[in-house]
Amino acid sequence: MTPAGPRAAAARLGILAGYSAGSGLIGTLILVEGFGYLPGHSAAVFGLGTLVVFAVGAFASALESLFGIVGGFLALALFVVLGNPSAGGPWPMDMMNEPWRSVGPWIPNGAALTALRQVLYLDGHAIAGPLWVLAGYAAVGASTLGLLARRGRPFLDLSGGAT
């Protein structure tokens, strides 16, 4: 799961960037053109969707590079088990119970939904915080993946002991 070297890490991140842009485009087309939602915000929805997919993908890839297959389970726990309920859905963060109110803004799911609300209802005001969270996950994931690619193996292989 750890890239064999820096070139392999760069290739993985490049493919992830292309996949992220494609996902952002398809999601935008479905929402705006297919269902007629979010008219007038296509560029923002595309950019946000691309950033979310890249941030989550890079961070999950870094977790797998750090911990081997266990990293995949950690990513699942973070982004699905914690991330989905803490995102809030139709409820703003202030209306959520603890611990979701505290962790929601710091997980990509909640940051993305908050950013989308800010774009749709407030013309992008106060969007910097959620974008920094998403950019942080992307940067930490990409840089960790790059550093571990030099090593060529997981930092800690929880399936068979430390390496």
C-alpha atoms as a PDB file:
ATOM      1  CA  MET A   1       0.000   0.000   0.000  1.00  0.00           C
ATOM      2  CA  THR A   2       2.992   2.255   0.413  1.00  0.00           C
ATOM      3  CA  PRO A   3       4.268   3.528  -2.939  1.00  0.00           C
ATOM      4  CA  ALA A   4       7.572   1.963  -3.979  1.00  0.00           C
ATOM      5  CA  GLY A   5       9.240   5.357  -4.324  1.00  0.00           C
ATOM      6  CA  PRO A   6       8.686   9.078  -4.861  1.00  0.00           C
ATOM      7  CA  ARG A   7       7.751   8.591  -8.530  1.00  0.00           C
ATOM      8  CA  ALA A   8       5.105   6.062  -7.591  1.00  0.00           C
ATOM      9  CA  ALA A   9       3.766   8.440  -4.924  1.00  0.00           C
ATOM     10  CA  ALA A  10       3.633  11.301  -7.443  1.00  0.00           C
ATOM     11  CA  ALA A  11       1.871   9.044  -9.941  1.00  0.00           C
ATOM     12  CA  ARG A  12      -0.650   7.969  -7.299  1.00  0.00           C
ATOM     13  CA  LEU A  13      -1.349  11.581  -6.345  1.00  0.00           C
ATOM     14  CA  GLY A  14      -1.613  12.579 -10.007  1.00  0.00           C
ATOM     15  CA  ILE A  15      -4.130   9.838 -10.698  1.00  0.00           C
ATOM     16  CA  LEU A  16      -6.008  10.828  -7.545  1.00  0.00           C
ATOM     17  CA  ALA A  17      -6.086  14.463  -8.714  1.00  0.00           C
ATOM     18  CA  GLY A  18      -7.532  13.414 -12.079  1.00  0.00           C
ATOM     19  CA  TYR A  19     -10.068  11.159 -10.404  1.00  0.00           C
ATOM     20  CA  SER A  20     -10.991  13.974  -8.010  1.00  0.00           C
ATOM     21  CA  ALA A  21     -11.575  16.419 -10.863  1.00  0.00           C
ATOM     22  CA  GLY A  22     -13.672  13.838 -12.708  1.00  0.00           C
ATOM     23  CA  SER A  23     -15.716  13.142  -9.576  1.00  0.00           C
ATOM     24  CA  GLY A  24     -16.211  16.852  -8.977  1.00  0.00           C
ATOM     25  CA  LEU A  25     -17.360  17.334 -12.564  1.00  0.00           C
ATOM     26  CA  ILE A  26     -19.742  14.365 -12.560  1.00  0.00           C
ATOM     27  CA  GLY A  27     -21.191  15.366  -9.187  1.00  0.00           C
ATOM     28  CA  THR A  28     -21.722  18.921 -10.399  1.00  0.00           C
ATOM     29  CA  LEU A  29     -23.371  17.762 -13.623  1.00  0.00           C
ATOM     30  CA  ILE A  30     -25.693  15.445 -11.726  1.00  0.00           C
ATOM     31  CA  LEU A  31     -26.687  18.079  -9.168  1.00  0.00           C
ATOM     32  CA  VAL A  32     -26.920  21.118 -11.422  1.00  0.00           C
ATOM     33  CA  GLU A  33     -27.888  19.739 -14.809  1.00  0.00           C
ATOM     34  CA  GLY A  34     -29.559  16.468 -13.843  1.00  0.00           C
ATOM     35  CA  PHE A  35     -31.592  17.515 -10.818  1.00  0.00           C
ATOM     36  CA  GLY A  36     -31.564  21.290 -11.223  1.00  0.00           C
ATOM     37  CA  TYR A  37     -30.108  21.852  -7.739  1.00  0.00           C
ATOM     38  CA  LEU A  38     -27.625  24.593  -6.912  1.00  0.00           C
ATOM     39  CA  PRO A  39     -28.097  26.726 -10.047  1.00  0.00           C
ATOM     40  CA  GLY A  40     -25.530  29.462 -10.475  1.00  0.00           C
ATOM     41  CA  HIS A  41     -22.931  27.751  -8.291  1.00  0.00           C
ATOM     42  CA  SER A  42     -21.473  25.198 -10.699  1.00  0.00           C
ATOM     43  CA  ALA A  43     -17.847  26.350 -10.440  1.00  0.00           C
ATOM     44  CA  ALA A  44     -17.910  26.436  -6.642  1.00  0.00           C
ATOM     45  CA  VAL A  45     -19.586  23.027  -6.403  1.00  0.00           C
ATOM     46  CA  PHE A  46     -17.052  21.576  -8.855  1.00  0.00           C
ATOM     47  CA  GLY A  47     -14.089  23.025  -6.960  1.00  0.00           C
ATOM     48  CA  LEU A  48     -15.390  21.957  -3.588  1.00  0.00           C
ATOM     49  CA  GLY A  49     -16.208  18.456  -4.793  1.00  0.00           C
ATOM     50  CA  THR A  50     -12.753  18.097  -6.317  1.00  0.00           C
ATOM     51  CA  LEU A  51     -11.057  19.266  -3.128  1.00  0.00           C
ATOM     52  CA  VAL A  52     -13.114  16.951  -0.907  1.00  0.00           C
ATOM     53  CA  VAL A  53     -12.373  13.857  -2.994  1.00  0.00           C
ATOM     54  CA  PHE A  54      -8.662  14.679  -3.187  1.00  0.00           C
ATOM     55  CA  ALA A  55      -8.360  15.468   0.541  1.00  0.00           C
ATOM     56  CA  VAL A  56     -10.092  12.273   1.641  1.00  0.00           C
ATOM     57  CA  GLY A  57      -8.258  10.133  -0.917  1.00  0.00           C
ATOM     58  CA  ALA A  58      -4.811  11.517  -0.072  1.00  0.00           C
ATOM     59  CA  PHE A  59      -5.381  11.214   3.668  1.00  0.00           C
ATOM     60  CA  ALA A  60      -6.745   7.667   3.368  1.00  0.00           C
ATOM     61  CA  SER A  61      -3.790   6.695   1.195  1.00  0.00           C
ATOM     62  CA  ALA A  62      -1.409   8.130   3.800  1.00  0.00           C
ATOM     63  CA  LEU A  63      -3.151   6.173   6.574  1.00  0.00           C
ATOM     64  CA  GLU A  64      -2.748   2.978   4.559  1.00  0.00           C
ATOM     65  CA  SER A  65       0.911   3.800   3.962  1.00  0.00           C
ATOM     66  CA  LEU A  66       1.410   4.389   7.680  1.00  0.00           C
ATOM     67  CA  PHE A  67      -0.456   1.386   9.047  1.00  0.00           C
ATOM     68  CA  GLY A  68      -0.906  -1.044   6.174  1.00  0.00           C
ATOM     69  CA  ILE A  69      -4.352  -2.571   5.807  1.00  0.00           C
ATOM     70  CA  VAL A  70      -5.355  -1.314   9.245  1.00  0.00           C
ATOM     71  CA  GLY A  71      -5.026   2.211   7.827  1.00  0.00           C
ATOM     72  CA  GLY A  72      -7.950   1.477   5.519  1.00  0.00           C
ATOM     73  CA  PHE A  73     -10.084   0.628   8.518  1.00  0.00           C
ATOM     74  CA  LEU A  74      -8.913   3.800  10.282  1.00  0.00           C
ATOM     75  CA  ALA A  75      -9.929   5.855   7.232  1.00  0.00           C
ATOM     76  CA  LEU A  76     -13.313   4.149   7.191  1.00  0.00           C
ATOM     77  CA  ALA A  77     -13.800   4.858  10.885  1.00  0.00           C
ATOM     78  CA  LEU A  78     -12.783   8.503  10.514  1.00  0.00           C
ATOM     79  CA  PHE A  79     -14.672   9.400   7.359  1.00  0.00           C
ATOM     80  CA  VAL A  80     -17.761   7.197   7.657  1.00  0.00           C
ATOM     81  CA  VAL A  81     -18.325   6.283  11.298  1.00  0.00           C
ATOM     82  CA  LEU A  82     -17.310   9.677  12.712  1.00  0.00           C
ATOM     83  CA  GLY A  83     -17.581  11.876   9.626  1.00  0.00           C
ATOM     84  CA  ASN A  84     -21.091  11.158   8.408  1.00  0.00           C
ATOM     85  CA  PRO A  85     -23.004  11.801  11.635  1.00  0.00           C
ATOM     86  CA  SER A  86     -20.821  14.776  12.520  1.00  0.00           C
ATOM     87  CA  ALA A  87     -21.407  16.475   9.152  1.00  0.00           C
ATOM     88  CA  GLY A  88     -24.862  17.459  10.281  1.00  0.00           C
ATOM     89  CA  GLY A  89     -26.805  16.977   7.071  1.00  0.00           C
ATOM     90  CA  PRO A  90     -29.606  19.536   7.123  1.00  0.00           C
ATOM     91  CA  TRP A  91     -28.718  20.790  10.614  1.00  0.00           C
ATOM     92  CA  PRO A  92     -26.128  23.499  11.243  1.00  0.00           C
ATOM     93  CA  MET A  93     -23.271  22.632  13.599  1.00  0.00           C
ATOM     94  CA  ASP A  94     -24.681  24.842  16.366  1.00  0.00           C
ATOM     95  CA  MET A  95     -27.808  22.682  16.551  1.00  0.00           C
ATOM     96  CA  MET A  96     -25.953  19.384  16.906  1.00  0.00           C
ATOM     97  CA  ASN A  97     -25.281  17.502  20.113  1.00  0.00           C
ATOM     98  CA  GLU A  98     -21.835  16.834  21.505  1.00  0.00           C
ATOM     99  CA  PRO A  99     -19.483  15.261  20.502  1.00  0.00           C
ATOM    100  CA  TRP A 100     -20.637  15.809  16.909  1.00  0.00           C
ATOM    101  CA  ARG A 101     -20.674  19.579  17.269  1.00  0.00           C
ATOM    102  CA  SER A 102     -17.021  19.596  18.338  1.00  0.00           C
ATOM    103  CA  VAL A 103     -15.594  17.109  15.849  1.00  0.00           C
ATOM    104  CA  GLY A 104     -17.787  17.890  12.841  1.00  0.00           C
ATOM    105  CA  PRO A 105     -15.963  20.993  11.607  1.00  0.00           C
ATOM    106  CA  TRP A 106     -12.602  19.180  11.769  1.00  0.00           C
ATOM    107  CA  ILE A 107     -13.550  16.183   9.613  1.00  0.00           C
ATOM    108  CA  PRO A 108     -13.812  16.635   5.814  1.00  0.00           C
ATOM    109  CA  ASN A 109     -17.479  15.615   5.744  1.00  0.00           C
ATOM    110  CA  GLY A 110     -18.522  18.444   8.068  1.00  0.00           C
ATOM    111  CA  ALA A 111     -16.109  20.961   6.579  1.00  0.00           C
ATOM    112  CA  ALA A 112     -17.381  20.229   3.070  1.00  0.00           C
ATOM    113  CA  LEU A 113     -21.018  20.532   4.021  1.00  0.00           C
ATOM    114  CA  THR A 114     -20.373  23.787   5.886  1.00  0.00           C
ATOM    115  CA  ALA A 115     -18.462  25.172   2.887  1.00  0.00           C
ATOM    116  CA  LEU A 116     -21.293  24.182   0.562  1.00  0.00           C
ATOM    117  CA  ARG A 117     -23.839  25.931   2.788  1.00  0.00           C
ATOM    118  CA  GLN A 118     -21.663  29.039   2.877  1.00  0.00           C
ATOM    119  CA  VAL A 119     -21.502  29.087  -0.928  1.00  0.00           C
ATOM    120  CA  LEU A 120     -25.205  28.457  -1.464  1.00  0.00           C
ATOM    121  CA  TYR A 121     -26.736  30.680   1.168  1.00  0.00           C
ATOM    122  CA  LEU A 122     -24.089  33.265   2.072  1.00  0.00           C
ATOM    123  CA  ASP A 123     -22.248  33.856  -1.235  1.00  0.00           C
ATOM    124  CA  GLY A 124     -19.113  32.197   0.135  1.00  0.00           C
ATOM    125  CA  HIS A 125     -18.743  34.319   3.272  1.00  0.00           C
ATOM    126  CA  ALA A 126     -16.843  32.598   6.110  1.00  0.00           C
ATOM    127  CA  ILE A 127     -15.735  29.774   3.844  1.00  0.00           C
ATOM    128  CA  ALA A 128     -12.022  30.027   4.689  1.00  0.00           C
ATOM    129  CA  GLY A 129     -12.191  27.801   7.798  1.00  0.00           C
ATOM    130  CA  PRO A 130     -13.750  24.790   6.076  1.00  0.00           C
ATOM    131  CA  LEU A 131     -11.447  25.202   3.070  1.00  0.00           C
ATOM    132  CA  TRP A 132      -8.394  25.248   5.361  1.00  0.00           C
ATOM    133  CA  VAL A 133      -9.575  22.016   6.984  1.00  0.00           C
ATOM    134  CA  LEU A 134      -9.947  20.331   3.589  1.00  0.00           C
ATOM    135  CA  ALA A 135      -6.629  21.716   2.346  1.00  0.00           C
ATOM    136  CA  GLY A 136      -4.992  20.522   5.558  1.00  0.00           C
ATOM    137  CA  TYR A 137      -6.177  16.950   5.043  1.00  0.00           C
ATOM    138  CA  ALA A 138      -4.963  17.104   1.435  1.00  0.00           C
ATOM    139  CA  ALA A 139      -1.563  18.532   2.409  1.00  0.00           C
ATOM    140  CA  VAL A 140      -0.984  16.160   5.315  1.00  0.00           C
ATOM    141  CA  GLY A 141      -2.060  13.187   3.225  1.00  0.00           C
ATOM    142  CA  ALA A 142       0.047  14.089   0.196  1.00  0.00           C
ATOM    143  CA  SER A 143       3.167  15.007   2.176  1.00  0.00           C
ATOM    144  CA  THR A 144       2.929  11.931   4.413  1.00  0.00           C
ATOM    145  CA  LEU A 145       2.499   9.730   1.364  1.00  0.00           C
ATOM    146  CA  GLY A 146       5.529  11.350  -0.243  1.00  0.00           C
ATOM    147  CA  LEU A 147       7.688  10.917   2.839  1.00  0.00           C
ATOM    148  CA  LEU A 148       6.689   7.302   3.335  1.00  0.00           C
ATOM    149  CA  ALA A 149       7.299   6.525  -0.332  1.00  0.00           C
ATOM    150  CA  ARG A 150      10.999   7.090   0.308  1.00  0.00           C
ATOM    151  CA  ARG A 151      10.834   4.330   2.912  1.00  0.00           C
ATOM    152  CA  GLY A 152       8.997   1.923   0.585  1.00  0.00           C
ATOM    153  CA  ARG A 153       7.078   0.073   3.287  1.00  0.00           C
ATOM    154  CA  PRO A 154       4.537   0.873   5.999  1.00  0.00           C
ATOM    155  CA  PHE A 155       5.855   2.759   8.989  1.00  0.00           C
ATOM    156  CA  LEU A 156       4.050   0.407  11.326  1.00  0.00           C
ATOM    157  CA  ASP A 157       2.645  -2.847   9.979  1.00  0.00           C
ATOM    158  CA  LEU A 158      -0.060  -3.721  12.494  1.00  0.00           C
ATOM    159  CA  SER A 159      -0.806  -6.979  10.715  1.00  0.00           C
ATOM    160  CA  GLY A 160       2.660  -8.440  11.412  1.00  0.00           C
ATOM    161  CA  GLY A 161       4.636  -6.213  13.754  1.00  0.00           C
ATOM    162  CA  ALA A 162       6.773  -3.078  13.470  1.00  0.00           C
ATOM    163  CA  THR A 163       9.034  -2.751  10.424  1.00  0.00           C
END
